[in-house]
């Protein structure tokens, strides 16, 4: 799955894994954070939850709400 069709990166391999969604493996687009502090693209985590998954894809903790990430992270 790729959610970054509107972006072109000069060297995507140089982007830290910390700035990539663990669901789509692409740099974050409209990132959201779980209560357990894992970050995903909004569309990726929303689709994940819509498909009946109510837990974090990384640590399986229950997700009851998604938050917005800090402005500096959104601006990266």
PDB file of N, CA and C in Angstrom:
ATOM      1  N   UNK A   1       0.864  -1.175   0.000  1.00  0.00           N
ATOM      2  CA  UNK A   1       0.000   0.000   0.000  1.00  0.00           C
ATOM      3  C   UNK A   1       0.902   1.227   0.000  1.00  0.00           C
ATOM      4  N   UNK A   2       0.576   2.150  -0.824  1.00  0.00           N
ATOM      5  CA  UNK A   2       1.299   3.417  -0.794  1.00  0.00           C
ATOM      6  C   UNK A   2       0.290   4.549  -0.702  1.00  0.00           C
ATOM      7  N   UNK A   3       0.578   5.500   0.115  1.00  0.00           N
ATOM      8  CA  UNK A   3      -0.347   6.605   0.300  1.00  0.00           C
ATOM      9  C   UNK A   3       0.279   7.929  -0.089  1.00  0.00           C
ATOM     10  N   UNK A   4       1.458   7.884  -0.647  1.00  0.00           N
ATOM     11  CA  UNK A   4       2.185   9.110  -0.943  1.00  0.00           C
ATOM     12  C   UNK A   4       2.329   9.335  -2.440  1.00  0.00           C
ATOM     13  N   UNK A   5       1.291   9.028  -3.201  1.00  0.00           N
ATOM     14  CA  UNK A   5       1.345   9.141  -4.641  1.00  0.00           C
ATOM     15  C   UNK A   5       1.562  10.568  -5.121  1.00  0.00           C
ATOM     16  N   UNK A   6       1.282  11.553  -4.300  1.00  0.00           N
ATOM     17  CA  UNK A   6       1.423  12.945  -4.706  1.00  0.00           C
ATOM     18  C   UNK A   6       2.798  13.520  -4.366  1.00  0.00           C
ATOM     19  N   UNK A   7       3.674  12.711  -3.811  1.00  0.00           N
ATOM     20  CA  UNK A   7       4.976  13.188  -3.391  1.00  0.00           C
ATOM     21  C   UNK A   7       6.071  12.506  -4.188  1.00  0.00           C
ATOM     22  N   UNK A   8       7.126  13.226  -4.445  1.00  0.00           N
ATOM     23  CA  UNK A   8       8.299  12.648  -5.078  1.00  0.00           C
ATOM     24  C   UNK A   8       9.495  12.990  -4.208  1.00  0.00           C
ATOM     25  N   UNK A   9      10.235  11.978  -3.806  1.00  0.00           N
ATOM     26  CA  UNK A   9      11.387  12.172  -2.947  1.00  0.00           C
ATOM     27  C   UNK A   9      12.661  11.992  -3.754  1.00  0.00           C
ATOM     28  N   UNK A  10      13.639  12.821  -3.494  1.00  0.00           N
ATOM     29  CA  UNK A  10      14.913  12.713  -4.191  1.00  0.00           C
ATOM     30  C   UNK A  10      15.603  11.412  -3.775  1.00  0.00           C
ATOM     31  N   UNK A  11      15.606  11.119  -2.488  1.00  0.00           N
ATOM     32  CA  UNK A  11      16.256   9.915  -1.978  1.00  0.00           C
ATOM     33  C   UNK A  11      15.446   9.371  -0.807  1.00  0.00           C
ATOM     34  N   UNK A  12      14.390   8.636  -1.119  1.00  0.00           N
ATOM     35  CA  UNK A  12      13.500   8.129  -0.067  1.00  0.00           C
ATOM     36  C   UNK A  12      14.231   7.184   0.880  1.00  0.00           C
ATOM     37  N   UNK A  13      15.256   6.504   0.403  1.00  0.00           N
ATOM     38  CA  UNK A  13      16.029   5.600   1.256  1.00  0.00           C
ATOM     39  C   UNK A  13      16.753   6.356   2.367  1.00  0.00           C
ATOM     40  N   UNK A  14      17.010   7.644   2.171  1.00  0.00           N
ATOM     41  CA  UNK A  14      17.713   8.451   3.172  1.00  0.00           C
ATOM     42  C   UNK A  14      16.788   8.911   4.294  1.00  0.00           C
ATOM     43  N   UNK A  15      15.496   8.724   4.125  1.00  0.00           N
ATOM     44  CA  UNK A  15      14.529   9.134   5.151  1.00  0.00           C
ATOM     45  C   UNK A  15      14.552   8.105   6.278  1.00  0.00           C
ATOM     46  N   UNK A  16      14.696   8.585   7.487  1.00  0.00           N
ATOM     47  CA  UNK A  16      14.762   7.714   8.661  1.00  0.00           C
ATOM     48  C   UNK A  16      13.505   6.857   8.781  1.00  0.00           C
ATOM     49  N   UNK A  17      13.685   5.607   9.207  1.00  0.00           N
ATOM     50  CA  UNK A  17      12.545   4.730   9.449  1.00  0.00           C
ATOM     51  C   UNK A  17      11.623   5.299  10.515  1.00  0.00           C
ATOM     52  N   UNK A  18      12.168   6.151  11.390  1.00  0.00           N
ATOM     53  CA  UNK A  18      11.361   6.797  12.434  1.00  0.00           C
ATOM     54  C   UNK A  18      10.316   7.736  11.833  1.00  0.00           C
ATOM     55  N   UNK A  19      10.511   8.135  10.582  1.00  0.00           N
ATOM     56  CA  UNK A  19       9.589   9.051   9.906  1.00  0.00           C
ATOM     57  C   UNK A  19       8.751   8.341   8.854  1.00  0.00           C
ATOM     58  N   UNK A  20       8.687   7.003   8.960  1.00  0.00           N
ATOM     59  CA  UNK A  20       7.905   6.211   8.013  1.00  0.00           C
ATOM     60  C   UNK A  20       6.831   5.421   8.751  1.00  0.00           C
ATOM     61  N   UNK A  21       5.712   5.282   8.105  1.00  0.00           N
ATOM     62  CA  UNK A  21       4.585   4.523   8.641  1.00  0.00           C
ATOM     63  C   UNK A  21       4.914   3.033   8.593  1.00  0.00           C
ATOM     64  N   UNK A  22       4.678   2.324   9.679  1.00  0.00           N
ATOM     65  CA  UNK A  22       4.983   0.896   9.702  1.00  0.00           C
ATOM     66  C   UNK A  22       3.939   0.081   8.938  1.00  0.00           C
ATOM     67  N   UNK A  23       2.833   0.694   8.549  1.00  0.00           N
ATOM     68  CA  UNK A  23       1.821  -0.016   7.768  1.00  0.00           C
ATOM     69  C   UNK A  23       2.159   0.048   6.278  1.00  0.00           C
ATOM     70  N   UNK A  24       2.363   1.247   5.740  1.00  0.00           N
ATOM     71  CA  UNK A  24       2.618   1.397   4.301  1.00  0.00           C
ATOM     72  C   UNK A  24       4.107   1.476   3.964  1.00  0.00           C
ATOM     73  N   UNK A  25       4.955   1.641   4.965  1.00  0.00           N
ATOM     74  CA  UNK A  25       6.410   1.731   4.791  1.00  0.00           C
ATOM     75  C   UNK A  25       6.857   2.971   4.025  1.00  0.00           C
ATOM     76  N   UNK A  26       6.000   3.972   3.922  1.00  0.00           N
ATOM     77  CA  UNK A  26       6.319   5.228   3.234  1.00  0.00           C
ATOM     78  C   UNK A  26       6.406   6.348   4.278  1.00  0.00           C
ATOM     79  N   UNK A  27       7.028   7.470   3.921  1.00  0.00           N
ATOM     80  CA  UNK A  27       7.055   8.615   4.839  1.00  0.00           C
ATOM     81  C   UNK A  27       5.631   9.014   5.234  1.00  0.00           C
ATOM     82  N   UNK A  28       5.475   9.461   6.482  1.00  0.00           N
ATOM     83  CA  UNK A  28       4.149   9.816   6.993  1.00  0.00           C
ATOM     84  C   UNK A  28       3.438  10.832   6.112  1.00  0.00           C
ATOM     85  N   UNK A  29       2.157  10.612   5.933  1.00  0.00           N
ATOM     86  CA  UNK A  29       1.279  11.585   5.290  1.00  0.00           C
ATOM     87  C   UNK A  29       0.116  11.797   6.248  1.00  0.00           C
ATOM     88  N   UNK A  30      -0.074  13.025   6.697  1.00  0.00           N
ATOM     89  CA  UNK A  30      -1.131  13.351   7.656  1.00  0.00           C
ATOM     90  C   UNK A  30      -1.059  12.418   8.874  1.00  0.00           C
ATOM     91  N   UNK A  31       0.076  12.409   9.585  1.00  0.00           N
ATOM     92  CA  UNK A  31       0.288  11.433  10.660  1.00  0.00           C
ATOM     93  C   UNK A  31      -0.647  11.603  11.860  1.00  0.00           C
ATOM     94  N   UNK A  32      -0.966  10.461  12.458  1.00  0.00           N
ATOM     95  CA  UNK A  32      -1.767  10.387  13.680  1.00  0.00           C
ATOM     96  C   UNK A  32      -1.018   9.520  14.673  1.00  0.00           C
ATOM     97  N   UNK A  33      -1.252   9.779  15.961  1.00  0.00           N
ATOM     98  CA  UNK A  33      -0.559   9.043  17.022  1.00  0.00           C
ATOM     99  C   UNK A  33      -1.591   8.309  17.878  1.00  0.00           C
ATOM    100  N   UNK A  34      -1.229   7.103  18.307  1.00  0.00           N
ATOM    101  CA  UNK A  34      -2.096   6.312  19.174  1.00  0.00           C
ATOM    102  C   UNK A  34      -1.796   6.657  20.628  1.00  0.00           C
ATOM    103  N   UNK A  35      -2.613   6.153  21.517  1.00  0.00           N
ATOM    104  CA  UNK A  35      -2.378   6.377  22.945  1.00  0.00           C
ATOM    105  C   UNK A  35      -1.079   5.724  23.414  1.00  0.00           C
ATOM    106  N   UNK A  36      -0.640   4.681  22.705  1.00  0.00           N
ATOM    107  CA  UNK A  36       0.614   4.018  23.058  1.00  0.00           C
ATOM    108  C   UNK A  36       1.803   4.674  22.349  1.00  0.00           C
ATOM    109  N   UNK A  37       1.557   5.835  21.737  1.00  0.00           N
ATOM    110  CA  UNK A  37       2.570   6.699  21.145  1.00  0.00           C
ATOM    111  C   UNK A  37       3.228   6.138  19.885  1.00  0.00           C
ATOM    112  N   UNK A  38       2.469   5.337  19.114  1.00  0.00           N
ATOM    113  CA  UNK A  38       2.951   4.904  17.809  1.00  0.00           C
ATOM    114  C   UNK A  38       2.284   5.774  16.756  1.00  0.00           C
ATOM    115  N   UNK A  39       3.035   6.098  15.719  1.00  0.00           N
ATOM    116  CA  UNK A  39       2.573   7.034  14.702  1.00  0.00           C
ATOM    117  C   UNK A  39       2.380   6.323  13.371  1.00  0.00           C
ATOM    118  N   UNK A  40       1.280   6.674  12.691  1.00  0.00           N
ATOM    119  CA  UNK A  40       0.925   6.085  11.405  1.00  0.00           C
ATOM    120  C   UNK A  40       0.322   7.167  10.519  1.00  0.00           C
ATOM    121  N   UNK A  41       0.302   6.919   9.220  1.00  0.00           N
ATOM    122  CA  UNK A  41      -0.442   7.807   8.321  1.00  0.00           C
ATOM    123  C   UNK A  41      -1.915   7.727   8.708  1.00  0.00           C
ATOM    124  N   UNK A  42      -2.609   8.833   8.620  1.00  0.00           N
ATOM    125  CA  UNK A  42      -4.018   8.854   8.984  1.00  0.00           C
ATOM    126  C   UNK A  42      -4.811   7.813   8.197  1.00  0.00           C
ATOM    127  N   UNK A  43      -4.643   7.766   6.892  1.00  0.00           N
ATOM    128  CA  UNK A  43      -5.413   6.826   6.073  1.00  0.00           C
ATOM    129  C   UNK A  43      -5.058   5.383   6.407  1.00  0.00           C
ATOM    130  N   UNK A  44      -3.797   5.105   6.689  1.00  0.00           N
ATOM    131  CA  UNK A  44      -3.375   3.739   7.012  1.00  0.00           C
ATOM    132  C   UNK A  44      -4.013   3.246   8.309  1.00  0.00           C
ATOM    133  N   UNK A  45      -3.916   4.030   9.375  1.00  0.00           N
ATOM    134  CA  UNK A  45      -4.460   3.578  10.661  1.00  0.00           C
ATOM    135  C   UNK A  45      -5.980   3.594  10.647  1.00  0.00           C
ATOM    136  N   UNK A  46      -6.578   4.532   9.918  1.00  0.00           N
ATOM    137  CA  UNK A  46      -8.044   4.563   9.808  1.00  0.00           C
ATOM    138  C   UNK A  46      -8.543   3.324   9.075  1.00  0.00           C
ATOM    139  N   UNK A  47      -7.892   2.969   7.964  1.00  0.00           N
ATOM    140  CA  UNK A  47      -8.270   1.752   7.234  1.00  0.00           C
ATOM    141  C   UNK A  47      -8.046   0.512   8.087  1.00  0.00           C
ATOM    142  N   UNK A  48      -6.945   0.479   8.819  1.00  0.00           N
ATOM    143  CA  UNK A  48      -6.629  -0.638   9.715  1.00  0.00           C
ATOM    144  C   UNK A  48      -7.778  -0.842  10.712  1.00  0.00           C
ATOM    145  N   UNK A  49      -8.212   0.258  11.324  1.00  0.00           N
ATOM    146  CA  UNK A  49      -9.275   0.172  12.327  1.00  0.00           C
ATOM    147  C   UNK A  49     -10.629  -0.131  11.675  1.00  0.00           C
ATOM    148  N   UNK A  50     -10.861   0.425  10.510  1.00  0.00           N
ATOM    149  CA  UNK A  50     -12.122   0.204   9.793  1.00  0.00           C
ATOM    150  C   UNK A  50     -12.281  -1.270   9.403  1.00  0.00           C
ATOM    151  N   UNK A  51     -11.169  -1.956   9.216  1.00  0.00           N
ATOM    152  CA  UNK A  51     -11.196  -3.373   8.852  1.00  0.00           C
ATOM    153  C   UNK A  51     -11.317  -4.287  10.065  1.00  0.00           C
ATOM    154  N   UNK A  52     -11.729  -3.737  11.183  1.00  0.00           N
ATOM    155  CA  UNK A  52     -12.007  -4.538  12.365  1.00  0.00           C
ATOM    156  C   UNK A  52     -10.850  -4.715  13.320  1.00  0.00           C
ATOM    157  N   UNK A  53      -9.759  -4.015  13.079  1.00  0.00           N
ATOM    158  CA  UNK A  53      -8.616  -4.101  13.981  1.00  0.00           C
ATOM    159  C   UNK A  53      -8.698  -2.957  14.984  1.00  0.00           C
ATOM    160  N   UNK A  54      -8.944  -3.281  16.223  1.00  0.00           N
ATOM    161  CA  UNK A  54      -9.076  -2.251  17.244  1.00  0.00           C
ATOM    162  C   UNK A  54      -7.833  -2.074  18.086  1.00  0.00           C
ATOM    163  N   UNK A  55      -6.747  -2.685  17.642  1.00  0.00           N
ATOM    164  CA  UNK A  55      -5.517  -2.589  18.421  1.00  0.00           C
ATOM    165  C   UNK A  55      -4.378  -2.059  17.554  1.00  0.00           C
ATOM    166  N   UNK A  56      -3.366  -1.551  18.215  1.00  0.00           N
ATOM    167  CA  UNK A  56      -2.194  -0.998  17.553  1.00  0.00           C
ATOM    168  C   UNK A  56      -1.477  -2.094  16.761  1.00  0.00           C
ATOM    169  N   UNK A  57      -1.118  -1.827  15.511  1.00  0.00           N
ATOM    170  CA  UNK A  57      -0.408  -2.833  14.717  1.00  0.00           C
ATOM    171  C   UNK A  57       0.979  -3.181  15.264  1.00  0.00           C
ATOM    172  N   UNK A  58       1.526  -2.348  16.121  1.00  0.00           N
ATOM    173  CA  UNK A  58       2.874  -2.598  16.644  1.00  0.00           C
ATOM    174  C   UNK A  58       2.845  -3.373  17.960  1.00  0.00           C
ATOM    175  N   UNK A  59       2.074  -2.888  18.936  1.00  0.00           N
ATOM    176  CA  UNK A  59       2.111  -3.552  20.247  1.00  0.00           C
ATOM    177  C   UNK A  59       0.777  -4.170  20.672  1.00  0.00           C
ATOM    178  N   UNK A  60      -0.219  -4.082  19.807  1.00  0.00           N
ATOM    179  CA  UNK A  60      -1.546  -4.705  20.026  1.00  0.00           C
ATOM    180  C   UNK A  60      -2.338  -4.123  21.198  1.00  0.00           C
ATOM    181  N   UNK A  61      -1.935  -2.947  21.668  1.00  0.00           N
ATOM    182  CA  UNK A  61      -2.743  -2.284  22.703  1.00  0.00           C
ATOM    183  C   UNK A  61      -4.006  -1.736  22.060  1.00  0.00           C
ATOM    184  N   UNK A  62      -5.082  -1.707  22.801  1.00  0.00           N
ATOM    185  CA  UNK A  62      -6.355  -1.208  22.293  1.00  0.00           C
ATOM    186  C   UNK A  62      -6.245   0.267  21.930  1.00  0.00           C
ATOM    187  N   UNK A  63      -6.813   0.627  20.779  1.00  0.00           N
ATOM    188  CA  UNK A  63      -6.847   2.024  20.340  1.00  0.00           C
ATOM    189  C   UNK A  63      -8.260   2.541  20.557  1.00  0.00           C
ATOM    190  N   UNK A  64      -8.400   3.548  21.398  1.00  0.00           N
ATOM    191  CA  UNK A  64      -9.723   4.131  21.606  1.00  0.00           C
ATOM    192  C   UNK A  64      -9.839   5.501  20.961  1.00  0.00           C
ATOM    193  N   UNK A  65      -8.696   6.132  20.682  1.00  0.00           N
ATOM    194  CA  UNK A  65      -8.711   7.417  19.982  1.00  0.00           C
ATOM    195  C   UNK A  65      -7.369   7.662  19.327  1.00  0.00           C
ATOM    196  N   UNK A  66      -7.384   8.499  18.300  1.00  0.00           N
ATOM    197  CA  UNK A  66      -6.163   8.892  17.610  1.00  0.00           C
ATOM    198  C   UNK A  66      -5.936  10.372  17.841  1.00  0.00           C
ATOM    199  N   UNK A  67      -4.700  10.746  18.022  1.00  0.00           N
ATOM    200  CA  UNK A  67      -4.378  12.149  18.232  1.00  0.00           C
ATOM    201  C   UNK A  67      -3.557  12.708  17.089  1.00  0.00           C
ATOM    202  N   UNK A  68      -3.438  14.010  17.078  1.00  0.00           N
ATOM    203  CA  UNK A  68      -2.591  14.697  16.102  1.00  0.00           C
ATOM    204  C   UNK A  68      -1.171  14.713  16.643  1.00  0.00           C
ATOM    205  N   UNK A  69      -0.211  14.589  15.762  1.00  0.00           N
ATOM    206  CA  UNK A  69       1.181  14.659  16.175  1.00  0.00           C
ATOM    207  C   UNK A  69       1.592  16.133  16.300  1.00  0.00           C
ATOM    208  N   UNK A  70       2.747  16.370  16.873  1.00  0.00           N
ATOM    209  CA  UNK A  70       3.221  17.724  17.070  1.00  0.00           C
ATOM    210  C   UNK A  70       3.446  18.428  15.723  1.00  0.00           C
ATOM    211  N   UNK A  71       3.364  19.727  15.736  1.00  0.00           N
ATOM    212  CA  UNK A  71       3.554  20.516  14.521  1.00  0.00           C
ATOM    213  C   UNK A  71       4.915  20.256  13.860  1.00  0.00           C
ATOM    214  N   UNK A  72       6.019  20.184  14.630  1.00  0.00           N
ATOM    215  CA  UNK A  72       7.313  19.917  13.968  1.00  0.00           C
ATOM    216  C   UNK A  72       7.313  18.610  13.178  1.00  0.00           C
ATOM    217  N   UNK A  73       6.711  17.556  13.721  1.00  0.00           N
ATOM    218  CA  UNK A  73       6.654  16.282  13.009  1.00  0.00           C
ATOM    219  C   UNK A  73       5.767  16.407  11.760  1.00  0.00           C
ATOM    220  N   UNK A  74       4.650  17.081  11.903  1.00  0.00           N
ATOM    221  CA  UNK A  74       3.772  17.273  10.733  1.00  0.00           C
ATOM    222  C   UNK A  74       4.487  18.036   9.632  1.00  0.00           C
ATOM    223  N   UNK A  75       5.351  18.979  10.010  1.00  0.00           N
ATOM    224  CA  UNK A  75       6.034  19.801   9.018  1.00  0.00           C
ATOM    225  C   UNK A  75       7.217  19.108   8.359  1.00  0.00           C
ATOM    226  N   UNK A  76       7.675  17.983   8.933  1.00  0.00           N
ATOM    227  CA  UNK A  76       8.790  17.267   8.324  1.00  0.00           C
ATOM    228  C   UNK A  76       8.337  16.647   7.033  1.00  0.00           C
TER     229      UNK A  76
END
